[in-house]
Amino acid sequence: MMVEILKKQPSNRLLRHIINCYHRLAQDPNAKEAMRKTFPVAFLDDTFNEHFDDDVSIRALVNDLRDTFGRK
């Protein structure tokens, strides 16, 4: 739900925290499997690209998440 809100009212700081949380959760096999059904499409498409283009570390986490969930 928070990701949908961020699509309308973006916050770079909050996006970074959410991406970090998803990345940590994706490291756990059980959480990773559950996330396959609920992972926000907004992180898989170009919705937030402009918000983390300048942040190399977040860009790397997002790319890793995209690889993990099979889409780029």
PDB file of N, CA and C in Angstrom:
ATOM      1  N   MET A   1       0.821  -1.185   0.000  1.00  0.00           N
ATOM      2  CA  MET A   1       0.000   0.000   0.000  1.00  0.00           C
ATOM      3  C   MET A   1       0.873   1.259   0.000  1.00  0.00           C
ATOM      4  N   MET A   2       1.946   1.220   0.750  1.00  0.00           N
ATOM      5  CA  MET A   2       2.820   2.379   0.844  1.00  0.00           C
ATOM      6  C   MET A   2       3.450   2.707  -0.499  1.00  0.00           C
ATOM      7  N   VAL A   3       3.788   1.704  -1.266  1.00  0.00           N
ATOM      8  CA  VAL A   3       4.393   1.931  -2.580  1.00  0.00           C
ATOM      9  C   VAL A   3       3.396   2.638  -3.493  1.00  0.00           C
ATOM     10  N   GLU A   4       2.132   2.285  -3.412  1.00  0.00           N
ATOM     11  CA  GLU A   4       1.110   2.952  -4.214  1.00  0.00           C
ATOM     12  C   GLU A   4       0.991   4.424  -3.824  1.00  0.00           C
ATOM     13  N   ILE A   5       1.080   4.713  -2.556  1.00  0.00           N
ATOM     14  CA  ILE A   5       1.037   6.105  -2.088  1.00  0.00           C
ATOM     15  C   ILE A   5       2.254   6.864  -2.603  1.00  0.00           C
ATOM     16  N   LEU A   6       3.407   6.205  -2.582  1.00  0.00           N
ATOM     17  CA  LEU A   6       4.632   6.852  -3.041  1.00  0.00           C
ATOM     18  C   LEU A   6       4.603   7.154  -4.536  1.00  0.00           C
ATOM     19  N   LYS A   7       3.805   6.428  -5.292  1.00  0.00           N
ATOM     20  CA  LYS A   7       3.673   6.724  -6.711  1.00  0.00           C
ATOM     21  C   LYS A   7       3.056   8.105  -6.907  1.00  0.00           C
ATOM     22  N   LYS A   8       2.179   8.505  -5.979  1.00  0.00           N
ATOM     23  CA  LYS A   8       1.508   9.804  -6.064  1.00  0.00           C
ATOM     24  C   LYS A   8       2.289  10.896  -5.339  1.00  0.00           C
ATOM     25  N   GLN A   9       2.930  10.533  -4.242  1.00  0.00           N
ATOM     26  CA  GLN A   9       3.679  11.495  -3.436  1.00  0.00           C
ATOM     27  C   GLN A   9       5.050  10.910  -3.113  1.00  0.00           C
ATOM     28  N   PRO A  10       5.972  10.944  -4.055  1.00  0.00           N
ATOM     29  CA  PRO A  10       7.281  10.302  -3.861  1.00  0.00           C
ATOM     30  C   PRO A  10       8.113  10.937  -2.742  1.00  0.00           C
ATOM     31  N   SER A  11       8.818  10.101  -2.048  1.00  0.00           N
ATOM     32  CA  SER A  11       9.766  10.518  -1.019  1.00  0.00           C
ATOM     33  C   SER A  11      11.013   9.652  -1.188  1.00  0.00           C
ATOM     34  N   ASN A  12      12.090  10.266  -1.613  1.00  0.00           N
ATOM     35  CA  ASN A  12      13.317   9.503  -1.855  1.00  0.00           C
ATOM     36  C   ASN A  12      13.782   8.775  -0.607  1.00  0.00           C
ATOM     37  N   ARG A  13      13.704   9.433   0.520  1.00  0.00           N
ATOM     38  CA  ARG A  13      14.157   8.818   1.775  1.00  0.00           C
ATOM     39  C   ARG A  13      13.332   7.569   2.105  1.00  0.00           C
ATOM     40  N   LEU A  14      12.028   7.687   2.009  1.00  0.00           N
ATOM     41  CA  LEU A  14      11.165   6.541   2.306  1.00  0.00           C
ATOM     42  C   LEU A  14      11.362   5.426   1.280  1.00  0.00           C
ATOM     43  N   LEU A  15      11.525   5.797   0.020  1.00  0.00           N
ATOM     44  CA  LEU A  15      11.793   4.791  -1.014  1.00  0.00           C
ATOM     45  C   LEU A  15      13.045   3.996  -0.696  1.00  0.00           C
ATOM     46  N   ARG A  16      14.098   4.676  -0.268  1.00  0.00           N
ATOM     47  CA  ARG A  16      15.342   3.985   0.089  1.00  0.00           C
ATOM     48  C   ARG A  16      15.108   2.985   1.210  1.00  0.00           C
ATOM     49  N   HIS A  17      14.347   3.382   2.219  1.00  0.00           N
ATOM     50  CA  HIS A  17      14.074   2.476   3.341  1.00  0.00           C
ATOM     51  C   HIS A  17      13.256   1.263   2.892  1.00  0.00           C
ATOM     52  N   ILE A  18      12.261   1.498   2.063  1.00  0.00           N
ATOM     53  CA  ILE A  18      11.410   0.402   1.591  1.00  0.00           C
ATOM     54  C   ILE A  18      12.206  -0.562   0.718  1.00  0.00           C
ATOM     55  N   ILE A  19      13.025  -0.024  -0.169  1.00  0.00           N
ATOM     56  CA  ILE A  19      13.847  -0.874  -1.030  1.00  0.00           C
ATOM     57  C   ILE A  19      14.818  -1.702  -0.199  1.00  0.00           C
ATOM     58  N   ASN A  20      15.425  -1.092   0.806  1.00  0.00           N
ATOM     59  CA  ASN A  20      16.320  -1.834   1.701  1.00  0.00           C
ATOM     60  C   ASN A  20      15.577  -2.959   2.405  1.00  0.00           C
ATOM     61  N   CYS A  21      14.362  -2.693   2.856  1.00  0.00           N
ATOM     62  CA  CYS A  21      13.564  -3.727   3.537  1.00  0.00           C
ATOM     63  C   CYS A  21      13.239  -4.883   2.601  1.00  0.00           C
ATOM     64  N   TYR A  22      12.795  -4.564   1.398  1.00  0.00           N
ATOM     65  CA  TYR A  22      12.502  -5.615   0.426  1.00  0.00           C
ATOM     66  C   TYR A  22      13.750  -6.435   0.106  1.00  0.00           C
ATOM     67  N   HIS A  23      14.870  -5.749  -0.018  1.00  0.00           N
ATOM     68  CA  HIS A  23      16.111  -6.458  -0.336  1.00  0.00           C
ATOM     69  C   HIS A  23      16.492  -7.416   0.783  1.00  0.00           C
ATOM     70  N   ARG A  24      16.366  -6.964   2.026  1.00  0.00           N
ATOM     71  CA  ARG A  24      16.678  -7.841   3.167  1.00  0.00           C
ATOM     72  C   ARG A  24      15.706  -9.022   3.228  1.00  0.00           C
ATOM     73  N   LEU A  25      14.435  -8.754   3.005  1.00  0.00           N
ATOM     74  CA  LEU A  25      13.447  -9.838   3.016  1.00  0.00           C
ATOM     75  C   LEU A  25      13.720 -10.854   1.914  1.00  0.00           C
ATOM     76  N   ALA A  26      14.172 -10.381   0.763  1.00  0.00           N
ATOM     77  CA  ALA A  26      14.433 -11.273  -0.366  1.00  0.00           C
ATOM     78  C   ALA A  26      15.585 -12.229  -0.089  1.00  0.00           C
ATOM     79  N   GLN A  27      16.367 -11.963   0.934  1.00  0.00           N
ATOM     80  CA  GLN A  27      17.468 -12.845   1.293  1.00  0.00           C
ATOM     81  C   GLN A  27      17.001 -14.067   2.078  1.00  0.00           C
ATOM     82  N   ASP A  28      15.795 -14.010   2.604  1.00  0.00           N
ATOM     83  CA  ASP A  28      15.223 -15.144   3.328  1.00  0.00           C
ATOM     84  C   ASP A  28      14.389 -15.971   2.345  1.00  0.00           C
ATOM     85  N   PRO A  29      14.673 -17.266   2.217  1.00  0.00           N
ATOM     86  CA  PRO A  29      13.968 -18.093   1.226  1.00  0.00           C
ATOM     87  C   PRO A  29      12.448 -18.101   1.382  1.00  0.00           C
ATOM     88  N   ASN A  30      11.947 -18.167   2.607  1.00  0.00           N
ATOM     89  CA  ASN A  30      10.494 -18.186   2.809  1.00  0.00           C
ATOM     90  C   ASN A  30       9.861 -16.849   2.452  1.00  0.00           C
ATOM     91  N   ALA A  31      10.488 -15.777   2.870  1.00  0.00           N
ATOM     92  CA  ALA A  31       9.970 -14.447   2.552  1.00  0.00           C
ATOM     93  C   ALA A  31      10.052 -14.193   1.050  1.00  0.00           C
ATOM     94  N   LYS A  32      11.124 -14.637   0.461  1.00  0.00           N
ATOM     95  CA  LYS A  32      11.322 -14.454  -0.981  1.00  0.00           C
ATOM     96  C   LYS A  32      10.198 -15.138  -1.760  1.00  0.00           C
ATOM     97  N   GLU A  33       9.851 -16.333  -1.366  1.00  0.00           N
ATOM     98  CA  GLU A  33       8.778 -17.063  -2.043  1.00  0.00           C
ATOM     99  C   GLU A  33       7.445 -16.337  -1.874  1.00  0.00           C
ATOM    100  N   ALA A  34       7.170 -15.842  -0.686  1.00  0.00           N
ATOM    101  CA  ALA A  34       5.922 -15.111  -0.447  1.00  0.00           C
ATOM    102  C   ALA A  34       5.895 -13.803  -1.243  1.00  0.00           C
ATOM    103  N   MET A  35       7.044 -13.167  -1.370  1.00  0.00           N
ATOM    104  CA  MET A  35       7.118 -11.892  -2.083  1.00  0.00           C
ATOM    105  C   MET A  35       6.915 -12.049  -3.583  1.00  0.00           C
ATOM    106  N   ARG A  36       7.133 -13.227  -4.111  1.00  0.00           N
ATOM    107  CA  ARG A  36       6.942 -13.436  -5.551  1.00  0.00           C
ATOM    108  C   ARG A  36       5.513 -13.078  -5.969  1.00  0.00           C
ATOM    109  N   LYS A  37       4.578 -13.253  -5.061  1.00  0.00           N
ATOM    110  CA  LYS A  37       3.171 -12.978  -5.362  1.00  0.00           C
ATOM    111  C   LYS A  37       2.792 -11.528  -5.093  1.00  0.00           C
ATOM    112  N   THR A  38       3.551 -10.855  -4.236  1.00  0.00           N
ATOM    113  CA  THR A  38       3.129  -9.528  -3.790  1.00  0.00           C
ATOM    114  C   THR A  38       4.138  -8.419  -4.063  1.00  0.00           C
ATOM    115  N   PHE A  39       5.245  -8.721  -4.710  1.00  0.00           N
ATOM    116  CA  PHE A  39       6.267  -7.711  -4.941  1.00  0.00           C
ATOM    117  C   PHE A  39       5.705  -6.590  -5.817  1.00  0.00           C
ATOM    118  N   PRO A  40       5.889  -5.345  -5.401  1.00  0.00           N
ATOM    119  CA  PRO A  40       5.309  -4.215  -6.145  1.00  0.00           C
ATOM    120  C   PRO A  40       5.865  -4.090  -7.571  1.00  0.00           C
ATOM    121  N   VAL A  41       4.980  -4.050  -8.511  1.00  0.00           N
ATOM    122  CA  VAL A  41       5.356  -3.899  -9.911  1.00  0.00           C
ATOM    123  C   VAL A  41       6.081  -2.575 -10.129  1.00  0.00           C
ATOM    124  N   ALA A  42       5.783  -1.585  -9.325  1.00  0.00           N
ATOM    125  CA  ALA A  42       6.412  -0.266  -9.470  1.00  0.00           C
ATOM    126  C   ALA A  42       7.932  -0.337  -9.350  1.00  0.00           C
ATOM    127  N   PHE A  43       8.458  -1.338  -8.650  1.00  0.00           N
ATOM    128  CA  PHE A  43       9.905  -1.495  -8.549  1.00  0.00           C
ATOM    129  C   PHE A  43      10.472  -2.265  -9.744  1.00  0.00           C
ATOM    130  N   LEU A  44       9.614  -2.940 -10.463  1.00  0.00           N
ATOM    131  CA  LEU A  44      10.062  -3.725 -11.605  1.00  0.00           C
ATOM    132  C   LEU A  44       9.999  -2.933 -12.911  1.00  0.00           C
ATOM    133  N   ASP A  45       9.122  -1.959 -12.951  1.00  0.00           N
ATOM    134  CA  ASP A  45       9.056  -1.123 -14.147  1.00  0.00           C
ATOM    135  C   ASP A  45       9.850   0.166 -13.895  1.00  0.00           C
ATOM    136  N   ASP A  46       9.603   1.181 -14.649  1.00  0.00           N
ATOM    137  CA  ASP A  46      10.391   2.411 -14.544  1.00  0.00           C
ATOM    138  C   ASP A  46       9.743   3.486 -13.677  1.00  0.00           C
ATOM    139  N   THR A  47       8.775   3.135 -12.858  1.00  0.00           N
ATOM    140  CA  THR A  47       8.021   4.104 -12.074  1.00  0.00           C
ATOM    141  C   THR A  47       8.905   5.005 -11.223  1.00  0.00           C
ATOM    142  N   PHE A  48       9.864   4.432 -10.524  1.00  0.00           N
ATOM    143  CA  PHE A  48      10.672   5.212  -9.586  1.00  0.00           C
ATOM    144  C   PHE A  48      12.100   5.479 -10.072  1.00  0.00           C
ATOM    145  N   ASN A  49      12.393   5.153 -11.300  1.00  0.00           N
ATOM    146  CA  ASN A  49      13.771   5.278 -11.787  1.00  0.00           C
ATOM    147  C   ASN A  49      14.369   6.657 -11.541  1.00  0.00           C
ATOM    148  N   GLU A  50      13.625   7.696 -11.808  1.00  0.00           N
ATOM    149  CA  GLU A  50      14.171   9.047 -11.650  1.00  0.00           C
ATOM    150  C   GLU A  50      14.490   9.386 -10.194  1.00  0.00           C
ATOM    151  N   HIS A  51      13.915   8.662  -9.265  1.00  0.00           N
ATOM    152  CA  HIS A  51      14.134   8.948  -7.844  1.00  0.00           C
ATOM    153  C   HIS A  51      15.391   8.306  -7.284  1.00  0.00           C
ATOM    154  N   PHE A  52      15.919   7.299  -7.964  1.00  0.00           N
ATOM    155  CA  PHE A  52      17.148   6.692  -7.457  1.00  0.00           C
ATOM    156  C   PHE A  52      18.230   6.562  -8.512  1.00  0.00           C
ATOM    157  N   ASP A  53      18.097   7.295  -9.603  1.00  0.00           N
ATOM    158  CA  ASP A  53      19.133   7.273 -10.635  1.00  0.00           C
ATOM    159  C   ASP A  53      20.475   7.771 -10.111  1.00  0.00           C
ATOM    160  N   ASP A  54      20.454   8.754  -9.231  1.00  0.00           N
ATOM    161  CA  ASP A  54      21.690   9.336  -8.708  1.00  0.00           C
ATOM    162  C   ASP A  54      22.273   8.559  -7.530  1.00  0.00           C
ATOM    163  N   ASP A  55      21.530   7.614  -7.009  1.00  0.00           N
ATOM    164  CA  ASP A  55      21.965   6.850  -5.839  1.00  0.00           C
ATOM    165  C   ASP A  55      22.420   5.461  -6.298  1.00  0.00           C
ATOM    166  N   VAL A  56      23.726   5.300  -6.428  1.00  0.00           N
ATOM    167  CA  VAL A  56      24.291   4.062  -6.975  1.00  0.00           C
ATOM    168  C   VAL A  56      23.945   2.853  -6.110  1.00  0.00           C
ATOM    169  N   SER A  57      23.974   3.007  -4.804  1.00  0.00           N
ATOM    170  CA  SER A  57      23.716   1.863  -3.921  1.00  0.00           C
ATOM    171  C   SER A  57      22.263   1.398  -4.021  1.00  0.00           C
ATOM    172  N   ILE A  58      21.330   2.328  -4.067  1.00  0.00           N
ATOM    173  CA  ILE A  58      19.914   1.948  -4.196  1.00  0.00           C
ATOM    174  C   ILE A  58      19.653   1.379  -5.583  1.00  0.00           C
ATOM    175  N   ARG A  59      20.264   1.960  -6.602  1.00  0.00           N
ATOM    176  CA  ARG A  59      20.129   1.434  -7.968  1.00  0.00           C
ATOM    177  C   ARG A  59      20.584  -0.030  -8.011  1.00  0.00           C
ATOM    178  N   ALA A  60      21.686  -0.337  -7.323  1.00  0.00           N
ATOM    179  CA  ALA A  60      22.191  -1.718  -7.287  1.00  0.00           C
ATOM    180  C   ALA A  60      21.197  -2.643  -6.584  1.00  0.00           C
ATOM    181  N   LEU A  61      20.598  -2.178  -5.485  1.00  0.00           N
ATOM    182  CA  LEU A  61      19.611  -3.001  -4.770  1.00  0.00           C
ATOM    183  C   LEU A  61      18.381  -3.250  -5.644  1.00  0.00           C
ATOM    184  N   VAL A  62      17.919  -2.215  -6.328  1.00  0.00           N
ATOM    185  CA  VAL A  62      16.751  -2.358  -7.196  1.00  0.00           C
ATOM    186  C   VAL A  62      17.060  -3.333  -8.331  1.00  0.00           C
ATOM    187  N   ASN A  63      18.234  -3.209  -8.915  1.00  0.00           N
ATOM    188  CA  ASN A  63      18.609  -4.142  -9.987  1.00  0.00           C
ATOM    189  C   ASN A  63      18.691  -5.565  -9.472  1.00  0.00           C
ATOM    190  N   ASP A  64      19.192  -5.730  -8.263  1.00  0.00           N
ATOM    191  CA  ASP A  64      19.258  -7.062  -7.662  1.00  0.00           C
ATOM    192  C   ASP A  64      17.842  -7.616  -7.445  1.00  0.00           C
ATOM    193  N   LEU A  65      16.940  -6.776  -6.960  1.00  0.00           N
ATOM    194  CA  LEU A  65      15.554  -7.206  -6.767  1.00  0.00           C
ATOM    195  C   LEU A  65      14.908  -7.567  -8.105  1.00  0.00           C
ATOM    196  N   ARG A  66      15.191  -6.785  -9.127  1.00  0.00           N
ATOM    197  CA  ARG A  66      14.645  -7.090 -10.452  1.00  0.00           C
ATOM    198  C   ARG A  66      15.168  -8.428 -10.953  1.00  0.00           C
ATOM    199  N   ASP A  67      16.443  -8.691 -10.718  1.00  0.00           N
ATOM    200  CA  ASP A  67      17.016  -9.992 -11.101  1.00  0.00           C
ATOM    201  C   ASP A  67      16.385 -11.124 -10.305  1.00  0.00           C
ATOM    202  N   THR A  68      16.193 -10.894  -9.022  1.00  0.00           N
ATOM    203  CA  THR A  68      15.628 -11.906  -8.133  1.00  0.00           C
ATOM    204  C   THR A  68      14.218 -12.291  -8.544  1.00  0.00           C
ATOM    205  N   PHE A  69      13.437 -11.298  -8.952  1.00  0.00           N
ATOM    206  CA  PHE A  69      12.049 -11.571  -9.296  1.00  0.00           C
ATOM    207  C   PHE A  69      11.819 -11.734 -10.790  1.00  0.00           C
ATOM    208  N   GLY A  70      12.929 -11.907 -11.516  1.00  0.00           N
ATOM    209  CA  GLY A  70      12.855 -12.345 -12.900  1.00  0.00           C
ATOM    210  C   GLY A  70      12.491 -11.343 -13.956  1.00  0.00           C
ATOM    211  N   ARG A  71      12.505 -10.078 -13.619  1.00  0.00           N
ATOM    212  CA  ARG A  71      12.189  -9.071 -14.628  1.00  0.00           C
ATOM    213  C   ARG A  71      13.188  -7.941 -14.534  1.00  0.00           C
ATOM    214  N   LYS A  72      13.442  -7.284 -15.677  1.00  0.00           N
ATOM    215  CA  LYS A  72      14.361  -6.138 -15.686  1.00  0.00           C
ATOM    216  C   LYS A  72      13.687  -4.919 -16.234  1.00  0.00           C
TER     217      LYS A  72
END
